[in-house]
All heavy atoms as atom14 arrays in JSON, in Angstrom:
{
  "sequence": "TYYVNNNVEADYQGSPAARIRKRKKDSFRNTNSLNYD",
  "atom14_mask": [
    [1, 1, 1, 1, 1, 1, 1, 0, 0, 0, 0, 0, 0, 0],
    [1, 1, 1, 1, 1, 1, 1, 1, 1, 1, 1, 1, 0, 0],
    [1, 1, 1, 1, 1, 1, 1, 1, 1, 1, 1, 1, 0, 0],
    [1, 1, 1, 1, 1, 1, 1, 0, 0, 0, 0, 0, 0, 0],
    [1, 1, 1, 1, 1, 1, 1, 1, 0, 0, 0, 0, 0, 0],
    [1, 1, 1, 1, 1, 1, 1, 1, 0, 0, 0, 0, 0, 0],
    [1, 1, 1, 1, 1, 1, 1, 1, 0, 0, 0, 0, 0, 0],
    [1, 1, 1, 1, 1, 1, 1, 0, 0, 0, 0, 0, 0, 0],
    [1, 1, 1, 1, 1, 1, 1, 1, 1, 0, 0, 0, 0, 0],
    [1, 1, 1, 1, 1, 0, 0, 0, 0, 0, 0, 0, 0, 0],
    [1, 1, 1, 1, 1, 1, 1, 1, 0, 0, 0, 0, 0, 0],
    [1, 1, 1, 1, 1, 1, 1, 1, 1, 1, 1, 1, 0, 0],
    [1, 1, 1, 1, 1, 1, 1, 1, 1, 0, 0, 0, 0, 0],
    [1, 1, 1, 1, 0, 0, 0, 0, 0, 0, 0, 0, 0, 0],
    [1, 1, 1, 1, 1, 1, 0, 0, 0, 0, 0, 0, 0, 0],
    [1, 1, 1, 1, 1, 1, 1, 0, 0, 0, 0, 0, 0, 0],
    [1, 1, 1, 1, 1, 0, 0, 0, 0, 0, 0, 0, 0, 0],
    [1, 1, 1, 1, 1, 0, 0, 0, 0, 0, 0, 0, 0, 0],
    [1, 1, 1, 1, 1, 1, 1, 1, 1, 1, 1, 0, 0, 0],
    [1, 1, 1, 1, 1, 1, 1, 1, 0, 0, 0, 0, 0, 0],
    [1, 1, 1, 1, 1, 1, 1, 1, 1, 1, 1, 0, 0, 0],
    [1, 1, 1, 1, 1, 1, 1, 1, 1, 0, 0, 0, 0, 0],
    [1, 1, 1, 1, 1, 1, 1, 1, 1, 1, 1, 0, 0, 0],
    [1, 1, 1, 1, 1, 1, 1, 1, 1, 0, 0, 0, 0, 0],
    [1, 1, 1, 1, 1, 1, 1, 1, 1, 0, 0, 0, 0, 0],
    [1, 1, 1, 1, 1, 1, 1, 1, 0, 0, 0, 0, 0, 0],
    [1, 1, 1, 1, 1, 1, 0, 0, 0, 0, 0, 0, 0, 0],
    [1, 1, 1, 1, 1, 1, 1, 1, 1, 1, 1, 0, 0, 0],
    [1, 1, 1, 1, 1, 1, 1, 1, 1, 1, 1, 0, 0, 0],
    [1, 1, 1, 1, 1, 1, 1, 1, 0, 0, 0, 0, 0, 0],
    [1, 1, 1, 1, 1, 1, 1, 0, 0, 0, 0, 0, 0, 0],
    [1, 1, 1, 1, 1, 1, 1, 1, 0, 0, 0, 0, 0, 0],
    [1, 1, 1, 1, 1, 1, 0, 0, 0, 0, 0, 0, 0, 0],
    [1, 1, 1, 1, 1, 1, 1, 1, 0, 0, 0, 0, 0, 0],
    [1, 1, 1, 1, 1, 1, 1, 1, 0, 0, 0, 0, 0, 0],
    [1, 1, 1, 1, 1, 1, 1, 1, 1, 1, 1, 1, 0, 0],
    [1, 1, 1, 1, 1, 1, 1, 1, 0, 0, 0, 0, 0, 0]
  ],
  "atom14_positions": [
    [[-140.63, 74.36, 227.62], [-139.97, 73.65, 226.55], [-139.55, 74.57, 225.41], [-140.11, 75.63, 225.2], [-140.91, 72.57, 225.98], [-142.08, 73.16, 225.47], [-141.25, 71.53, 227.04], [0.0, 0.0, 0.0], [0.0, 0.0, 0.0], [0.0, 0.0, 0.0], [0.0, 0.0, 0.0], [0.0, 0.0, 0.0], [0.0, 0.0, 0.0], [0.0, 0.0, 0.0]],
    [[-138.54, 74.11, 224.69], [-138.04, 74.88, 223.53], [-139.14, 75.04, 222.48], [-139.24, 76.09, 221.87], [-136.84, 74.13, 222.93], [-136.26, 74.8, 221.7], [-135.26, 75.76, 221.84], [-136.69, 74.48, 220.42], [-134.71, 76.36, 220.71], [-136.17, 75.09, 219.31], [-135.16, 76.05, 219.45], [-134.65, 76.67, 218.35], [0.0, 0.0, 0.0], [0.0, 0.0, 0.0]],
    [[-139.95, 74.01, 222.28], [-140.96, 74.03, 221.25], [-141.94, 75.19, 221.42], [-142.2, 75.94, 220.47], [-141.71, 72.68, 221.24], [-142.8, 72.61, 220.22], [-142.52, 72.23, 218.9], [-144.12, 72.9, 220.56], [-143.53, 72.17, 217.96], [-145.15, 72.84, 219.6], [-144.84, 72.48, 218.29], [-145.85, 72.42, 217.36], [0.0, 0.0, 0.0], [0.0, 0.0, 0.0]],
    [[-142.5, 75.35, 222.61], [-143.54, 76.38, 222.76], [-142.93, 77.78, 222.83], [-143.67, 78.79, 222.76], [-144.38, 76.12, 224.06], [-145.05, 74.78, 223.95], [-143.57, 76.25, 225.29], [0.0, 0.0, 0.0], [0.0, 0.0, 0.0], [0.0, 0.0, 0.0], [0.0, 0.0, 0.0], [0.0, 0.0, 0.0], [0.0, 0.0, 0.0], [0.0, 0.0, 0.0]],
    [[-141.64, 77.89, 222.99], [-141.02, 79.21, 222.99], [-140.43, 79.61, 221.66], [-140.04, 80.76, 221.45], [-139.92, 79.25, 224.06], [-140.47, 79.27, 225.45], [-141.19, 80.2, 225.85], [-140.21, 78.21, 226.23], [0.0, 0.0, 0.0], [0.0, 0.0, 0.0], [0.0, 0.0, 0.0], [0.0, 0.0, 0.0], [0.0, 0.0, 0.0], [0.0, 0.0, 0.0]],
    [[-140.41, 78.64, 220.69], [-139.76, 78.94, 219.4], [-140.56, 78.46, 218.2], [-140.42, 79.06, 217.1], [-138.36, 78.31, 219.35], [-137.42, 78.93, 220.37], [-136.77, 79.92, 220.1], [-137.32, 78.31, 221.53], [0.0, 0.0, 0.0], [0.0, 0.0, 0.0], [0.0, 0.0, 0.0], [0.0, 0.0, 0.0], [0.0, 0.0, 0.0], [0.0, 0.0, 0.0]],
    [[-141.32, 77.4, 218.33], [-141.92, 76.77, 217.17], [-143.45, 76.91, 217.08], [-144.12, 76.09, 216.43], [-141.57, 75.28, 217.1], [-140.1, 75.04, 216.83], [-139.37, 75.97, 216.54], [-139.65, 73.82, 216.92], [0.0, 0.0, 0.0], [0.0, 0.0, 0.0], [0.0, 0.0, 0.0], [0.0, 0.0, 0.0], [0.0, 0.0, 0.0], [0.0, 0.0, 0.0]],
    [[-144.02, 77.88, 217.76], [-145.45, 78.07, 217.71], [-145.76, 79.5, 217.24], [-144.86, 80.32, 217.15], [-146.11, 77.81, 219.1], [-145.87, 76.38, 219.55], [-145.62, 78.81, 220.13], [0.0, 0.0, 0.0], [0.0, 0.0, 0.0], [0.0, 0.0, 0.0], [0.0, 0.0, 0.0], [0.0, 0.0, 0.0], [0.0, 0.0, 0.0], [0.0, 0.0, 0.0]],
    [[-147.02, 79.72, 216.93], [-147.41, 81.09, 216.51], [-147.11, 82.08, 217.66], [-147.19, 81.74, 218.82], [-148.87, 81.12, 216.12], [-149.17, 80.32, 214.88], [-150.62, 80.43, 214.48], [-151.39, 81.14, 215.18], [-151.01, 79.83, 213.44], [0.0, 0.0, 0.0], [0.0, 0.0, 0.0], [0.0, 0.0, 0.0], [0.0, 0.0, 0.0], [0.0, 0.0, 0.0]],
    [[-146.84, 83.31, 217.28], [-146.42, 84.34, 218.25], [-147.42, 84.49, 219.4], [-147.05, 84.68, 220.55], [-146.19, 85.66, 217.53], [0.0, 0.0, 0.0], [0.0, 0.0, 0.0], [0.0, 0.0, 0.0], [0.0, 0.0, 0.0], [0.0, 0.0, 0.0], [0.0, 0.0, 0.0], [0.0, 0.0, 0.0], [0.0, 0.0, 0.0], [0.0, 0.0, 0.0]],
    [[-148.71, 84.41, 219.06], [-149.76, 84.62, 220.1], [-149.77, 83.51, 221.15], [-150.32, 83.71, 222.23], [-151.14, 84.73, 219.44], [-151.27, 86.0, 218.59], [-150.47, 86.91, 218.78], [-152.19, 86.02, 217.72], [0.0, 0.0, 0.0], [0.0, 0.0, 0.0], [0.0, 0.0, 0.0], [0.0, 0.0, 0.0], [0.0, 0.0, 0.0], [0.0, 0.0, 0.0]],
    [[-149.19, 82.35, 220.77], [-149.29, 81.2, 221.7], [-147.94, 80.82, 222.32], [-147.82, 79.76, 222.96], [-149.84, 79.99, 220.95], [-151.16, 80.25, 220.25], [-151.37, 79.87, 218.93], [-152.18, 80.95, 220.92], [-152.56, 80.12, 218.29], [-153.38, 81.2, 220.28], [-153.56, 80.79, 218.97], [-154.76, 81.05, 218.36], [0.0, 0.0, 0.0], [0.0, 0.0, 0.0]],
    [[-146.93, 81.65, 222.09], [-145.64, 81.34, 222.68], [-145.72, 81.28, 224.2], [-146.31, 82.19, 224.81], [-144.58, 82.34, 222.22], [-144.15, 82.15, 220.77], [-143.0, 83.06, 220.39], [-142.58, 83.88, 221.16], [-142.53, 82.88, 219.15], [0.0, 0.0, 0.0], [0.0, 0.0, 0.0], [0.0, 0.0, 0.0], [0.0, 0.0, 0.0], [0.0, 0.0, 0.0]],
    [[-145.1, 80.31, 224.79], [-145.1, 80.14, 226.24], [-146.3, 79.4, 226.79], [-146.36, 79.14, 227.99], [0.0, 0.0, 0.0], [0.0, 0.0, 0.0], [0.0, 0.0, 0.0], [0.0, 0.0, 0.0], [0.0, 0.0, 0.0], [0.0, 0.0, 0.0], [0.0, 0.0, 0.0], [0.0, 0.0, 0.0], [0.0, 0.0, 0.0], [0.0, 0.0, 0.0]],
    [[-147.26, 79.06, 225.92], [-148.46, 78.31, 226.36], [-148.29, 76.84, 225.98], [-147.65, 76.52, 224.97], [-149.71, 78.88, 225.69], [-149.92, 80.25, 226.1], [0.0, 0.0, 0.0], [0.0, 0.0, 0.0], [0.0, 0.0, 0.0], [0.0, 0.0, 0.0], [0.0, 0.0, 0.0], [0.0, 0.0, 0.0], [0.0, 0.0, 0.0], [0.0, 0.0, 0.0]],
    [[-148.86, 75.93, 226.75], [-148.74, 74.51, 226.44], [-149.25, 74.16, 225.05], [-150.17, 74.81, 224.51], [-149.59, 73.83, 227.52], [-149.63, 74.8, 228.67], [-149.62, 76.16, 228.0], [0.0, 0.0, 0.0], [0.0, 0.0, 0.0], [0.0, 0.0, 0.0], [0.0, 0.0, 0.0], [0.0, 0.0, 0.0], [0.0, 0.0, 0.0], [0.0, 0.0, 0.0]],
    [[-148.65, 73.13, 224.48], [-149.05, 72.66, 223.16], [-149.01, 71.12, 223.13], [-148.46, 70.51, 224.04], [-148.13, 73.26, 222.07], [0.0, 0.0, 0.0], [0.0, 0.0, 0.0], [0.0, 0.0, 0.0], [0.0, 0.0, 0.0], [0.0, 0.0, 0.0], [0.0, 0.0, 0.0], [0.0, 0.0, 0.0], [0.0, 0.0, 0.0], [0.0, 0.0, 0.0]],
    [[-149.57, 70.55, 222.09], [-149.62, 69.1, 221.99], [-149.54, 68.67, 220.54], [-149.99, 69.4, 219.64], [-150.89, 68.54, 222.64], [0.0, 0.0, 0.0], [0.0, 0.0, 0.0], [0.0, 0.0, 0.0], [0.0, 0.0, 0.0], [0.0, 0.0, 0.0], [0.0, 0.0, 0.0], [0.0, 0.0, 0.0], [0.0, 0.0, 0.0], [0.0, 0.0, 0.0]],
    [[-148.95, 67.5, 220.34], [-149.01, 66.84, 219.04], [-149.57, 65.44, 219.25], [-148.99, 64.65, 220.05], [-147.63, 66.74, 218.38], [-147.72, 66.18, 216.95], [-146.36, 66.12, 216.31], [-145.53, 65.07, 216.89], [-144.31, 64.8, 216.47], [-143.74, 65.53, 215.53], [-143.6, 63.82, 217.04], [0.0, 0.0, 0.0], [0.0, 0.0, 0.0], [0.0, 0.0, 0.0]],
    [[-150.66, 65.12, 218.63], [-151.35, 63.83, 218.81], [-151.27, 63.11, 217.5], [-151.83, 63.55, 216.47], [-152.81, 64.04, 219.25], [-152.84, 64.86, 220.55], [-153.49, 62.74, 219.43], [-154.25, 65.27, 220.97], [0.0, 0.0, 0.0], [0.0, 0.0, 0.0], [0.0, 0.0, 0.0], [0.0, 0.0, 0.0], [0.0, 0.0, 0.0], [0.0, 0.0, 0.0]],
    [[-150.57, 61.97, 217.52], [-150.34, 61.23, 216.26], [-150.86, 59.82, 216.41], [-150.56, 59.15, 217.41], [-148.88, 61.24, 215.92], [-148.48, 60.39, 214.72], [-147.02, 60.43, 214.43], [-146.62, 61.76, 213.97], [-145.35, 62.1, 213.78], [-144.38, 61.25, 214.04], [-145.06, 63.32, 213.37], [0.0, 0.0, 0.0], [0.0, 0.0, 0.0], [0.0, 0.0, 0.0]],
    [[-151.62, 59.34, 215.42], [-152.06, 57.96, 215.37], [-151.71, 57.36, 214.04], [-152.04, 57.89, 212.98], [-153.59, 57.87, 215.61], [-154.02, 58.35, 216.99], [-155.52, 58.18, 217.2], [-155.99, 58.69, 218.54], [-155.35, 57.99, 219.67], [0.0, 0.0, 0.0], [0.0, 0.0, 0.0], [0.0, 0.0, 0.0], [0.0, 0.0, 0.0], [0.0, 0.0, 0.0]],
    [[-151.03, 56.23, 214.11], [-150.6, 55.54, 212.91], [-151.23, 54.16, 212.87], [-151.21, 53.45, 213.89], [-149.1, 55.4, 212.88], [-148.53, 54.77, 211.61], [-147.0, 54.62, 211.74], [-146.38, 55.87, 212.05], [-145.25, 55.96, 212.73], [-144.61, 54.89, 213.18], [-144.7, 57.17, 213.0], [0.0, 0.0, 0.0], [0.0, 0.0, 0.0], [0.0, 0.0, 0.0]],
    [[-151.79, 53.78, 211.75], [-152.48, 52.51, 211.62], [-151.97, 51.75, 210.38], [-151.81, 52.37, 209.32], [-153.98, 52.72, 211.54], [-154.76, 51.42, 211.5], [-156.27, 51.69, 211.45], [-157.07, 50.38, 211.47], [-158.53, 50.62, 211.37], [0.0, 0.0, 0.0], [0.0, 0.0, 0.0], [0.0, 0.0, 0.0], [0.0, 0.0, 0.0], [0.0, 0.0, 0.0]],
    [[-151.72, 50.5, 210.56], [-151.3, 49.65, 209.44], [-152.1, 48.35, 209.46], [-152.1, 47.65, 210.45], [-149.79, 49.37, 209.52], [-149.29, 48.53, 208.34], [-147.78, 48.35, 208.46], [-147.26, 47.55, 207.26], [-145.77, 47.32, 207.35], [0.0, 0.0, 0.0], [0.0, 0.0, 0.0], [0.0, 0.0, 0.0], [0.0, 0.0, 0.0], [0.0, 0.0, 0.0]],
    [[-152.75, 48.07, 208.35], [-153.51, 46.82, 208.18], [-152.82, 45.96, 207.14], [-152.53, 46.46, 206.04], [-154.94, 47.1, 207.76], [-155.73, 47.82, 208.83], [-155.56, 47.51, 210.03], [-156.55, 48.71, 208.48], [0.0, 0.0, 0.0], [0.0, 0.0, 0.0], [0.0, 0.0, 0.0], [0.0, 0.0, 0.0], [0.0, 0.0, 0.0], [0.0, 0.0, 0.0]],
    [[-152.56, 44.73, 207.52], [-151.89, 43.79, 206.59], [-152.76, 42.58, 206.38], [-153.37, 42.06, 207.32], [-150.52, 43.35, 207.17], [-149.71, 44.48, 207.37], [0.0, 0.0, 0.0], [0.0, 0.0, 0.0], [0.0, 0.0, 0.0], [0.0, 0.0, 0.0], [0.0, 0.0, 0.0], [0.0, 0.0, 0.0], [0.0, 0.0, 0.0], [0.0, 0.0, 0.0]],
    [[-152.79, 42.14, 205.14], [-153.56, 40.93, 204.78], [-152.64, 39.98, 204.04], [-151.9, 40.36, 203.16], [-154.74, 41.33, 203.86], [-155.49, 40.12, 203.32], [-156.39, 39.45, 204.13], [-155.3, 39.68, 202.05], [-157.09, 38.33, 203.66], [-155.97, 38.59, 201.54], [-156.87, 37.91, 202.37], [0.0, 0.0, 0.0], [0.0, 0.0, 0.0], [0.0, 0.0, 0.0]],
    [[-152.71, 38.74, 204.45], [-151.86, 37.69, 203.82], [-152.68, 36.47, 203.53], [-153.39, 35.95, 204.4], [-150.7, 37.34, 204.76], [-149.78, 36.24, 204.16], [-148.56, 36.08, 205.03], [-147.6, 35.17, 204.43], [-146.36, 34.98, 204.91], [-145.96, 35.66, 205.97], [-145.55, 34.13, 204.3], [0.0, 0.0, 0.0], [0.0, 0.0, 0.0], [0.0, 0.0, 0.0]],
    [[-152.63, 36.03, 202.28], [-153.33, 34.83, 201.87], [-152.37, 33.91, 201.13], [-151.76, 34.3, 200.15], [-154.51, 35.19, 200.95], [-155.22, 33.95, 200.4], [-154.96, 33.55, 199.28], [-156.1, 33.39, 201.21], [0.0, 0.0, 0.0], [0.0, 0.0, 0.0], [0.0, 0.0, 0.0], [0.0, 0.0, 0.0], [0.0, 0.0, 0.0], [0.0, 0.0, 0.0]],
    [[-152.18, 32.68, 201.69], [-151.24, 31.73, 201.11], [-151.96, 30.42, 200.84], [-152.66, 29.9, 201.72], [-150.06, 31.49, 202.03], [-149.44, 32.74, 202.34], [-149.03, 30.58, 201.39], [0.0, 0.0, 0.0], [0.0, 0.0, 0.0], [0.0, 0.0, 0.0], [0.0, 0.0, 0.0], [0.0, 0.0, 0.0], [0.0, 0.0, 0.0], [0.0, 0.0, 0.0]],
    [[-151.79, 29.87, 199.67], [-152.35, 28.58, 199.3], [-151.28, 27.72, 198.67], [-150.54, 28.2, 197.77], [-153.53, 28.75, 198.33], [-154.63, 29.63, 198.9], [-155.43, 29.16, 199.69], [-154.67, 30.86, 198.42], [0.0, 0.0, 0.0], [0.0, 0.0, 0.0], [0.0, 0.0, 0.0], [0.0, 0.0, 0.0], [0.0, 0.0, 0.0], [0.0, 0.0, 0.0]],
    [[-151.15, 26.5, 199.11], [-150.15, 25.59, 198.53], [-150.72, 24.19, 198.41], [-151.65, 23.79, 199.16], [-148.89, 25.57, 199.39], [-149.2, 25.08, 200.7], [0.0, 0.0, 0.0], [0.0, 0.0, 0.0], [0.0, 0.0, 0.0], [0.0, 0.0, 0.0], [0.0, 0.0, 0.0], [0.0, 0.0, 0.0], [0.0, 0.0, 0.0], [0.0, 0.0, 0.0]],
    [[-150.16, 23.47, 197.46], [-150.56, 22.07, 197.19], [-149.32, 21.21, 197.15], [-148.37, 21.48, 196.38], [-151.32, 21.96, 195.87], [-151.7, 20.56, 195.42], [-152.68, 19.92, 196.38], [-152.29, 20.59, 194.0], [0.0, 0.0, 0.0], [0.0, 0.0, 0.0], [0.0, 0.0, 0.0], [0.0, 0.0, 0.0], [0.0, 0.0, 0.0], [0.0, 0.0, 0.0]],
    [[-149.26, 20.17, 198.01], [-148.13, 19.25, 198.05], [-148.6, 17.88, 197.55], [-149.71, 17.45, 197.87], [-147.63, 19.07, 199.51], [-146.96, 20.34, 200.02], [-145.82, 20.56, 199.82], [-147.76, 21.17, 200.74], [0.0, 0.0, 0.0], [0.0, 0.0, 0.0], [0.0, 0.0, 0.0], [0.0, 0.0, 0.0], [0.0, 0.0, 0.0], [0.0, 0.0, 0.0]],
    [[-147.72, 17.24, 196.8], [-148.06, 15.89, 196.33], [-146.79, 15.03, 196.32], [-145.77, 15.44, 195.79], [-148.69, 15.92, 194.93], [-149.27, 14.59, 194.55], [-150.5, 14.15, 195.02], [-148.55, 13.72, 193.71], [-151.04, 12.96, 194.71], [-149.1, 12.49, 193.34], [-150.34, 12.1, 193.85], [-150.85, 10.88, 193.53], [0.0, 0.0, 0.0], [0.0, 0.0, 0.0]],
    [[-146.92, 13.85, 196.94], [-145.84, 12.87, 196.97], [-146.2, 11.75, 196.0], [-147.25, 11.11, 196.13], [-145.69, 12.33, 198.39], [-144.43, 11.5, 198.55], [-143.93, 11.0, 197.55], [-143.96, 11.34, 199.72], [0.0, 0.0, 0.0], [0.0, 0.0, 0.0], [0.0, 0.0, 0.0], [0.0, 0.0, 0.0], [0.0, 0.0, 0.0], [0.0, 0.0, 0.0]]
  ]
}
């Protein structure tokens, strides 16, 4: 791949590499309503 031949430190060029990404999103919703006829 282009990445391991150009975008890594010189000592590791040509060797496999990895990027491990974890994204987490927590959402909380609280709704209260009062109806009167």
